[in-house]
Protein backbone atom coordinates (compact mmCIF):
# COMPACT_ATOMS: atom_id res chain seq x y z
CA UNK A 1 -81.72 1.50 -127.32
CA UNK A 2 -80.25 4.33 -125.20
CA UNK A 3 -79.51 7.61 -126.90
CA UNK A 4 -76.37 9.56 -125.99
CA UNK A 5 -77.01 13.19 -125.09
CA UNK A 6 -73.33 14.00 -125.44
CA UNK A 7 -71.65 12.38 -128.47
CA UNK A 8 -68.29 12.42 -126.65
CA UNK A 9 -69.67 10.29 -123.79
CA UNK A 10 -71.91 7.58 -125.30
CA UNK A 11 -74.41 5.75 -123.12
CA UNK A 12 -73.40 2.15 -122.54
CA UNK A 13 -75.69 -0.73 -121.84
CA UNK A 14 -75.27 -2.63 -118.54
CA UNK A 15 -73.91 -5.61 -120.51
CA UNK A 16 -71.20 -3.42 -122.03
CA UNK A 17 -70.20 -2.15 -118.57
CA UNK A 18 -69.41 -5.68 -117.42
CA UNK A 19 -67.46 -6.79 -120.50
CA UNK A 20 -63.70 -7.10 -120.45
CA UNK A 21 -60.91 -4.98 -121.86
CA UNK A 22 -58.46 -6.37 -124.40
CA UNK A 23 -54.94 -5.53 -125.49
CA UNK A 24 -53.84 -6.13 -129.09
CA UNK A 25 -50.25 -6.51 -130.24
CA UNK A 26 -47.64 -9.02 -131.32
CA UNK A 27 -45.93 -11.72 -129.32
CA UNK A 28 -42.15 -12.23 -129.34
CA UNK A 29 -42.41 -14.31 -132.53
CA UNK A 30 -44.44 -11.71 -134.46
CA UNK A 31 -47.86 -13.39 -134.20
CA UNK A 32 -50.85 -11.07 -133.72
CA UNK A 33 -52.44 -11.49 -130.30
CA UNK A 34 -55.57 -10.20 -128.56
CA UNK A 35 -55.56 -10.80 -124.80
CA UNK A 36 -58.17 -9.96 -122.17
CA UNK A 37 -56.45 -7.80 -119.56
CA UNK A 38 -57.37 -10.21 -116.76
CA UNK A 39 -55.76 -13.07 -118.67
CA UNK A 40 -58.98 -15.09 -118.93
CA UNK A 41 -59.38 -15.01 -122.73
CA UNK A 42 -57.55 -14.23 -125.93
CA UNK A 43 -56.13 -15.73 -129.07
CA UNK A 44 -53.59 -15.74 -131.86
CA UNK A 45 -54.60 -14.22 -135.20
CA UNK A 46 -53.37 -14.14 -138.79
CA UNK A 47 -53.54 -10.35 -139.07
CA UNK A 48 -53.69 -7.22 -136.94
CA UNK A 49 -57.16 -6.52 -138.33
CA UNK A 50 -58.40 -9.97 -137.24
CA UNK A 51 -57.07 -9.43 -133.69
CA UNK A 52 -58.68 -5.99 -133.45
CA UNK A 53 -61.98 -7.30 -134.85
CA UNK A 54 -62.07 -10.09 -132.24
CA UNK A 55 -61.26 -7.71 -129.38
CA UNK A 56 -63.84 -5.22 -130.62
CA UNK A 57 -66.58 -7.84 -130.71
CA UNK A 58 -65.61 -9.12 -127.25
CA UNK A 59 -65.72 -5.61 -125.73
CA UNK A 60 -68.95 -4.51 -127.39
CA UNK A 61 -66.95 -2.50 -129.94
CA UNK A 62 -65.76 0.09 -127.43
CA UNK A 63 -62.66 1.63 -129.05
CA UNK A 64 -61.22 2.72 -125.69
CA UNK A 65 -61.04 -0.91 -124.61
CA UNK A 66 -58.89 -2.12 -127.52
CA UNK A 67 -55.51 -0.41 -127.11
CA UNK A 68 -52.41 -1.48 -129.00
CA UNK A 69 -49.51 -2.86 -126.96
CA UNK A 70 -46.32 -0.81 -126.83
CA UNK A 71 -44.14 -3.93 -126.83
CA UNK A 72 -44.37 -7.70 -127.24
CA UNK A 73 -47.25 -9.48 -125.52
CA UNK A 74 -46.62 -12.70 -123.64
CA UNK A 75 -49.41 -15.11 -124.49
CA UNK A 76 -49.55 -18.56 -122.93
CA UNK A 77 -51.83 -21.24 -124.35
CA UNK A 78 -53.15 -23.59 -121.71
C-alpha cells in the first residue's frame, strides 16, 4: 500500500486514478440521486447518506470526487 508523504496530497493507486467522478443531489421530485459525471452510471436512493455512500464506494472513497449538486439533477433511467 502506498504511503503519502504529504497528508494533504494522498497517493492514489492507478485503479483510483481511472475511476469516475460522481455528483450527489436531488432530482426535481426530491429523490436522492448519485450520477457519474459522464452519465454512464448512477442511481436513485432513499437517503442522502445512501447516495453519498454509493458514490464514495464507486470513486474509491475520494471525497473530492463526490460533490453535492447546487440544484436539481436530471436523472434519466434507461
